[in-house]
C-alpha atoms as a PDB file:
ATOM      1  CA  UNK A   1       9.764 -10.250  12.092  1.00  0.00           C
ATOM      2  CA  UNK A   2       8.914  -6.628  12.929  1.00  0.00           C
ATOM      3  CA  UNK A   3       6.925  -4.266  10.706  1.00  0.00           C
ATOM      4  CA  UNK A   4       7.441  -0.581  11.396  1.00  0.00           C
ATOM      5  CA  UNK A   5       4.235   1.245  10.439  1.00  0.00           C
ATOM      6  CA  UNK A   6       2.206   4.355  10.870  1.00  0.00           C
ATOM      7  CA  UNK A   7      -1.585   4.203  10.829  1.00  0.00           C
ATOM      8  CA  UNK A   8      -3.089   4.668   7.371  1.00  0.00           C
ATOM      9  CA  UNK A   9       0.298   5.344   5.712  1.00  0.00           C
ATOM     10  CA  UNK A  10       1.620   3.213   2.826  1.00  0.00           C
ATOM     11  CA  UNK A  11       2.759   0.696   5.478  1.00  0.00           C
ATOM     12  CA  UNK A  12      -0.917  -0.448   5.617  1.00  0.00           C
ATOM     13  CA  UNK A  13      -0.115  -2.390   2.367  1.00  0.00           C
ATOM     14  CA  UNK A  14       2.508  -4.788   3.969  1.00  0.00           C
ATOM     15  CA  UNK A  15       0.292  -4.901   7.092  1.00  0.00           C
ATOM     16  CA  UNK A  16      -2.626  -6.233   4.913  1.00  0.00           C
ATOM     17  CA  UNK A  17      -0.240  -8.658   3.250  1.00  0.00           C
ATOM     18  CA  UNK A  18       0.925  -9.877   6.663  1.00  0.00           C
ATOM     19  CA  UNK A  19      -2.682 -10.478   7.706  1.00  0.00           C
ATOM     20  CA  UNK A  20      -3.356 -12.308   4.387  1.00  0.00           C
ATOM     21  CA  UNK A  21      -0.197 -14.451   4.829  1.00  0.00           C
ATOM     22  CA  UNK A  22      -0.779 -15.572   8.421  1.00  0.00           C
ATOM     23  CA  UNK A  23       2.934 -14.957   9.108  1.00  0.00           C
ATOM     24  CA  UNK A  24       3.742 -13.999  12.697  1.00  0.00           C
ATOM     25  CA  UNK A  25       5.094 -10.443  13.061  1.00  0.00           C
ATOM     26  CA  UNK A  26       5.372  -7.670  15.692  1.00  0.00           C
ATOM     27  CA  UNK A  27       3.884  -4.324  14.678  1.00  0.00           C
ATOM     28  CA  UNK A  28       5.957  -1.382  15.768  1.00  0.00           C
ATOM     29  CA  UNK A  29       4.360   2.106  15.618  1.00  0.00           C
ATOM     30  CA  UNK A  30       6.743   4.683  14.076  1.00  0.00           C
ATOM     31  CA  UNK A  31       5.186   8.115  13.982  1.00  0.00           C
ATOM     32  CA  UNK A  32       5.647   9.876  10.680  1.00  0.00           C
ATOM     33  CA  UNK A  33       5.292  13.204  12.511  1.00  0.00           C
ATOM     34  CA  UNK A  34       7.711  12.782  15.451  1.00  0.00           C
ATOM     35  CA  UNK A  35       9.827  10.049  13.930  1.00  0.00           C
ATOM     36  CA  UNK A  36       9.918   8.388  17.372  1.00  0.00           C
ATOM     37  CA  UNK A  37       8.760   4.977  18.499  1.00  0.00           C
ATOM     38  CA  UNK A  38       6.431   4.629  21.489  1.00  0.00           C
ATOM     39  CA  UNK A  39       9.486   3.921  23.704  1.00  0.00           C
ATOM     40  CA  UNK A  40      11.126   7.133  22.655  1.00  0.00           C
ATOM     41  CA  UNK A  41      13.628   5.590  20.255  1.00  0.00           C
ATOM     42  CA  UNK A  42      14.598   7.848  17.339  1.00  0.00           C
ATOM     43  CA  UNK A  43      13.285   6.057  14.255  1.00  0.00           C
ATOM     44  CA  UNK A  44      16.070   7.586  12.137  1.00  0.00           C
ATOM     45  CA  UNK A  45      18.409   5.194  13.908  1.00  0.00           C
ATOM     46  CA  UNK A  46      16.411   2.328  12.439  1.00  0.00           C
ATOM     47  CA  UNK A  47      15.637   3.766   9.092  1.00  0.00           C
ATOM     48  CA  UNK A  48      17.804   6.759   8.189  1.00  0.00           C
ATOM     49  CA  UNK A  49      15.300   7.809   5.557  1.00  0.00           C
ATOM     50  CA  UNK A  50      12.667   8.257   8.337  1.00  0.00           C
ATOM     51  CA  UNK A  51       9.722   6.765   6.572  1.00  0.00           C
ATOM     52  CA  UNK A  52       7.627   3.591   6.771  1.00  0.00           C
ATOM     53  CA  UNK A  53       7.315   0.702   6.067  1.00  0.00           C
ATOM     54  CA  UNK A  54      10.384  -1.111   7.160  1.00  0.00           C
ATOM     55  CA  UNK A  55      10.470  -4.863   7.721  1.00  0.00           C
ATOM     56  CA  UNK A  56      13.080  -6.259  10.191  1.00  0.00           C
ATOM     57  CA  UNK A  57      13.697  -9.938   9.850  1.00  0.00           C
ATOM     58  CA  UNK A  58      14.479 -12.193  12.766  1.00  0.00           C
ATOM     59  CA  UNK A  59      18.217 -12.062  12.005  1.00  0.00           C
ATOM     60  CA  UNK A  60      18.191  -8.240  12.126  1.00  0.00           C
ATOM     61  CA  UNK A  61      18.197  -7.758   8.358  1.00  0.00           C
ATOM     62  CA  UNK A  62      16.155  -4.746   7.380  1.00  0.00           C
ATOM     63  CA  UNK A  63      14.178  -4.392   4.178  1.00  0.00           C
ATOM     64  CA  UNK A  64      12.798  -1.022   3.008  1.00  0.00           C
ATOM     65  CA  UNK A  65      10.253  -0.053   0.394  1.00  0.00           C
ATOM     66  CA  UNK A  66       6.753  -1.407   0.361  1.00  0.00           C
ATOM     67  CA  UNK A  67       6.813  -3.098  -3.058  1.00  0.00           C
ATOM     68  CA  UNK A  68       9.904  -5.040  -2.081  1.00  0.00           C
ATOM     69  CA  UNK A  69       8.531  -5.903   1.402  1.00  0.00           C
ATOM     70  CA  UNK A  70       5.167  -7.257   0.080  1.00  0.00           C
ATOM     71  CA  UNK A  71       6.901  -9.468  -2.490  1.00  0.00           C
ATOM     72  CA  UNK A  72       9.225 -10.834   0.176  1.00  0.00           C
ATOM     73  CA  UNK A  73       6.205 -11.654   2.420  1.00  0.00           C
ATOM     74  CA  UNK A  74       4.279 -13.218  -0.487  1.00  0.00           C
ATOM     75  CA  UNK A  75       7.272 -15.429  -1.362  1.00  0.00           C
ATOM     76  CA  UNK A  76       7.352 -16.839   2.262  1.00  0.00           C
ATOM     77  CA  UNK A  77       3.801 -18.337   1.726  1.00  0.00           C
ATOM     78  CA  UNK A  78       3.635 -19.340  -1.969  1.00  0.00           C
ATOM     79  CA  UNK A  79       0.549 -21.445  -1.329  1.00  0.00           C
ATOM     80  CA  UNK A  80      -1.428 -18.272  -0.533  1.00  0.00           C
ATOM     81  CA  UNK A  81      -0.808 -17.071  -4.145  1.00  0.00           C
ATOM     82  CA  UNK A  82      -0.299 -13.441  -3.023  1.00  0.00           C
ATOM     83  CA  UNK A  83       2.306 -13.116  -5.811  1.00  0.00           C
ATOM     84  CA  UNK A  84       2.939 -15.289  -8.891  1.00  0.00           C
ATOM     85  CA  UNK A  85       6.112 -17.387  -8.869  1.00  0.00           C
ATOM     86  CA  UNK A  86       9.471 -15.585  -9.457  1.00  0.00           C
ATOM     87  CA  UNK A  87      10.631 -15.855 -13.079  1.00  0.00           C
ATOM     88  CA  UNK A  88       7.162 -16.110 -14.568  1.00  0.00           C
ATOM     89  CA  UNK A  89       5.624 -13.458 -16.886  1.00  0.00           C
ATOM     90  CA  UNK A  90       2.810 -13.089 -14.393  1.00  0.00           C
ATOM     91  CA  UNK A  91       5.395 -12.025 -11.770  1.00  0.00           C
ATOM     92  CA  UNK A  92       6.680  -9.339 -14.101  1.00  0.00           C
ATOM     93  CA  UNK A  93       3.121  -8.200 -14.682  1.00  0.00           C
ATOM     94  CA  UNK A  94       2.719  -7.946 -10.865  1.00  0.00           C
ATOM     95  CA  UNK A  95       5.920  -5.894 -10.692  1.00  0.00           C
ATOM     96  CA  UNK A  96       4.616  -3.706 -13.492  1.00  0.00           C
ATOM     97  CA  UNK A  97       1.476  -2.973 -11.354  1.00  0.00           C
ATOM     98  CA  UNK A  98       3.531  -2.327  -8.217  1.00  0.00           C
ATOM     99  CA  UNK A  99       5.732   0.130 -10.130  1.00  0.00           C
ATOM    100  CA  UNK A 100       2.760   1.868 -11.649  1.00  0.00           C
ATOM    101  CA  UNK A 101       1.091   2.231  -8.263  1.00  0.00           C
ATOM    102  CA  UNK A 102       4.288   3.495  -6.683  1.00  0.00           C
ATOM    103  CA  UNK A 103       5.244   6.021  -9.346  1.00  0.00           C
ATOM    104  CA  UNK A 104       1.928   7.145 -10.859  1.00  0.00           C
ATOM    105  CA  UNK A 105      -0.421   6.890  -7.897  1.00  0.00           C
ATOM    106  CA  UNK A 106       1.471   6.807  -4.589  1.00  0.00           C
ATOM    107  CA  UNK A 107       3.872   9.646  -5.505  1.00  0.00           C
ATOM    108  CA  UNK A 108       1.022  11.566  -7.161  1.00  0.00           C
ATOM    109  CA  UNK A 109      -0.558  12.029  -3.735  1.00  0.00           C
ATOM    110  CA  UNK A 110       2.582  13.468  -2.209  1.00  0.00           C
ATOM    111  CA  UNK A 111       1.911  17.152  -3.027  1.00  0.00           C
ATOM    112  CA  UNK A 112      -1.637  16.863  -1.749  1.00  0.00           C
ATOM    113  CA  UNK A 113      -0.345  16.018   1.757  1.00  0.00           C
ATOM    114  CA  UNK A 114       2.174  18.923   1.764  1.00  0.00           C
ATOM    115  CA  UNK A 115       0.763  22.066   3.327  1.00  0.00           C
ATOM    116  CA  UNK A 116       3.311  24.153   1.394  1.00  0.00           C
ATOM    117  CA  UNK A 117       2.003  23.020  -1.990  1.00  0.00           C
ATOM    118  CA  UNK A 118       0.215  25.889  -3.813  1.00  0.00           C
ATOM    119  CA  UNK A 119      -3.471  25.249  -4.394  1.00  0.00           C
ATOM    120  CA  UNK A 120      -3.079  25.631  -8.161  1.00  0.00           C
ATOM    121  CA  UNK A 121      -0.477  22.860  -8.114  1.00  0.00           C
ATOM    122  CA  UNK A 122      -2.781  20.622  -6.043  1.00  0.00           C
ATOM    123  CA  UNK A 123      -5.435  21.065  -8.724  1.00  0.00           C
ATOM    124  CA  UNK A 124      -2.917  19.879 -11.349  1.00  0.00           C
ATOM    125  CA  UNK A 125      -1.914  16.888  -9.149  1.00  0.00           C
ATOM    126  CA  UNK A 126      -5.547  15.885  -8.592  1.00  0.00           C
ATOM    127  CA  UNK A 127      -6.289  16.083 -12.350  1.00  0.00           C
ATOM    128  CA  UNK A 128      -3.274  13.914 -13.086  1.00  0.00           C
ATOM    129  CA  UNK A 129      -4.318  11.301 -10.475  1.00  0.00           C
ATOM    130  CA  UNK A 130      -7.897  11.278 -11.841  1.00  0.00           C
ATOM    131  CA  UNK A 131      -6.604  10.508 -15.312  1.00  0.00           C
ATOM    132  CA  UNK A 132      -4.534   7.579 -13.950  1.00  0.00           C
ATOM    133  CA  UNK A 133      -7.509   6.286 -11.983  1.00  0.00           C
ATOM    134  CA  UNK A 134      -9.714   6.630 -15.061  1.00  0.00           C
ATOM    135  CA  UNK A 135      -7.367   4.352 -16.888  1.00  0.00           C
ATOM    136  CA  UNK A 136      -7.288   1.988 -13.923  1.00  0.00           C
ATOM    137  CA  UNK A 137     -11.065   1.882 -13.897  1.00  0.00           C
ATOM    138  CA  UNK A 138     -10.999   0.645 -17.520  1.00  0.00           C
ATOM    139  CA  UNK A 139      -8.346  -2.026 -16.639  1.00  0.00           C
ATOM    140  CA  UNK A 140     -10.563  -3.423 -13.815  1.00  0.00           C
ATOM    141  CA  UNK A 141     -13.534  -3.968 -16.112  1.00  0.00           C
ATOM    142  CA  UNK A 142     -14.543  -7.593 -16.021  1.00  0.00           C
ATOM    143  CA  UNK A 143     -11.983  -8.482 -13.306  1.00  0.00           C
ATOM    144  CA  UNK A 144     -12.207  -9.154  -9.630  1.00  0.00           C
ATOM    145  CA  UNK A 145      -8.672  -7.889  -8.909  1.00  0.00           C
ATOM    146  CA  UNK A 146      -5.757  -6.220 -10.717  1.00  0.00           C
ATOM    147  CA  UNK A 147      -4.313  -9.576 -11.808  1.00  0.00           C
ATOM    148  CA  UNK A 148      -7.639 -11.174 -12.665  1.00  0.00           C
ATOM    149  CA  UNK A 149      -9.538 -13.493 -10.280  1.00  0.00           C
ATOM    150  CA  UNK A 150      -6.809 -13.687  -7.623  1.00  0.00           C
ATOM    151  CA  UNK A 151      -6.091 -11.126  -4.906  1.00  0.00           C
ATOM    152  CA  UNK A 152      -2.358 -10.180  -4.923  1.00  0.00           C
ATOM    153  CA  UNK A 153      -0.019  -7.795  -3.078  1.00  0.00           C
ATOM    154  CA  UNK A 154      -0.714  -5.206  -5.843  1.00  0.00           C
ATOM    155  CA  UNK A 155      -4.335  -5.004  -4.663  1.00  0.00           C
ATOM    156  CA  UNK A 156      -3.244  -4.375  -1.082  1.00  0.00           C
ATOM    157  CA  UNK A 157      -0.899  -1.527  -2.302  1.00  0.00           C
ATOM    158  CA  UNK A 158      -3.516   0.129  -4.560  1.00  0.00           C
ATOM    159  CA  UNK A 159      -6.203  -0.176  -1.855  1.00  0.00           C
ATOM    160  CA  UNK A 160      -3.944   1.526   0.626  1.00  0.00           C
ATOM    161  CA  UNK A 161      -3.088   4.573  -1.495  1.00  0.00           C
ATOM    162  CA  UNK A 162      -6.633   4.838  -2.952  1.00  0.00           C
ATOM    163  CA  UNK A 163      -7.964   5.316   0.596  1.00  0.00           C
ATOM    164  CA  UNK A 164      -6.139   8.670   0.668  1.00  0.00           C
ATOM    165  CA  UNK A 165      -8.444  10.058  -1.968  1.00  0.00           C
ATOM    166  CA  UNK A 166     -11.201  10.374   0.706  1.00  0.00           C
ATOM    167  CA  UNK A 167      -8.944  12.823   2.690  1.00  0.00           C
ATOM    168  CA  UNK A 168      -7.213  14.871  -0.042  1.00  0.00           C
ATOM    169  CA  UNK A 169      -8.920  14.030  -3.372  1.00  0.00           C
ATOM    170  CA  UNK A 170      -9.369  13.512  -6.208  1.00  0.00           C
ATOM    171  CA  UNK A 171     -13.066  12.561  -6.295  1.00  0.00           C
ATOM    172  CA  UNK A 172     -13.222   8.966  -7.586  1.00  0.00           C
ATOM    173  CA  UNK A 173     -16.969   8.296  -7.005  1.00  0.00           C
ATOM    174  CA  UNK A 174     -17.752   8.331 -10.673  1.00  0.00           C
ATOM    175  CA  UNK A 175     -15.462   5.400 -11.400  1.00  0.00           C
ATOM    176  CA  UNK A 176     -17.787   2.440 -10.980  1.00  0.00           C
ATOM    177  CA  UNK A 177     -15.291  -0.411 -11.580  1.00  0.00           C
ATOM    178  CA  UNK A 178     -12.821   1.140  -9.259  1.00  0.00           C
ATOM    179  CA  UNK A 179     -15.479   1.631  -6.533  1.00  0.00           C
ATOM    180  CA  UNK A 180     -16.654  -1.997  -6.850  1.00  0.00           C
ATOM    181  CA  UNK A 181     -13.036  -3.244  -6.631  1.00  0.00           C
ATOM    182  CA  UNK A 182     -12.280  -1.032  -3.648  1.00  0.00           C
ATOM    183  CA  UNK A 183     -15.355  -2.380  -1.790  1.00  0.00           C
ATOM    184  CA  UNK A 184     -14.412  -5.935  -2.657  1.00  0.00           C
ATOM    185  CA  UNK A 185     -10.904  -5.538  -1.268  1.00  0.00           C
ATOM    186  CA  UNK A 186     -12.120  -3.621   1.715  1.00  0.00           C
ATOM    187  CA  UNK A 187     -14.462  -6.401   2.690  1.00  0.00           C
ATOM    188  CA  UNK A 188     -11.673  -8.971   2.935  1.00  0.00           C
ATOM    189  CA  UNK A 189     -11.230 -10.178   6.556  1.00  0.00           C
ATOM    190  CA  UNK A 190      -7.486  -9.586   6.435  1.00  0.00           C
ATOM    191  CA  UNK A 191      -7.968  -6.012   5.215  1.00  0.00           C
ATOM    192  CA  UNK A 192     -10.555  -5.402   7.928  1.00  0.00           C
ATOM    193  CA  UNK A 193      -8.186  -6.888  10.529  1.00  0.00           C
ATOM    194  CA  UNK A 194      -5.288  -4.648   9.469  1.00  0.00           C
ATOM    195  CA  UNK A 195      -7.425  -1.521   9.369  1.00  0.00           C
ATOM    196  CA  UNK A 196      -8.940  -2.291  12.772  1.00  0.00           C
ATOM    197  CA  UNK A 197      -5.466  -2.832  14.247  1.00  0.00           C
ATOM    198  CA  UNK A 198      -4.414   0.583  12.955  1.00  0.00           C
ATOM    199  CA  UNK A 199      -7.594   2.318  14.291  1.00  0.00           C
ATOM    200  CA  UNK A 200      -8.909   3.026  10.768  1.00  0.00           C
ATOM    201  CA  UNK A 201     -12.277   1.402  11.232  1.00  0.00           C
END
């Protein structure tokens, strides 16, 4: 397998899941600025949408979109319990979390990274994100991870996008449950390994 990634981008999520899974994979750096690989290949010839992550299987099949990729990886190693079994209510709960993170958190950061976004709109975007994180903080009370006592792919995804708040806001330091959860996830050896490989620590 090959995982096309860019350091610190949302592709960190499947990178963490790969580390947690122990599955062998080649990491291929795909710059989100130049859209070129290190050998000069135009990344648009691999993913016409131009963004990461993209997982290429050994038979050449390509899978896009982080939430789909992390579930695929988790299902290759069911004993690791990175995702509940397909068809169970817990699996739908996991998919609910992945959808929430993707639509309410991940996309909420998009205007904050765009230099063309007016400052007044950035303020609105930060306020919206803070309200979502405040709700998340309440959901984490009394739990180790999003799904309870077990780390799942949803934690990898939320950890990845939450890291962006340090660069572009909002300020999340007042959310004690979230901060404790973030530290817990960040201390995992697989998370440290992925971040070290991407030059983030």
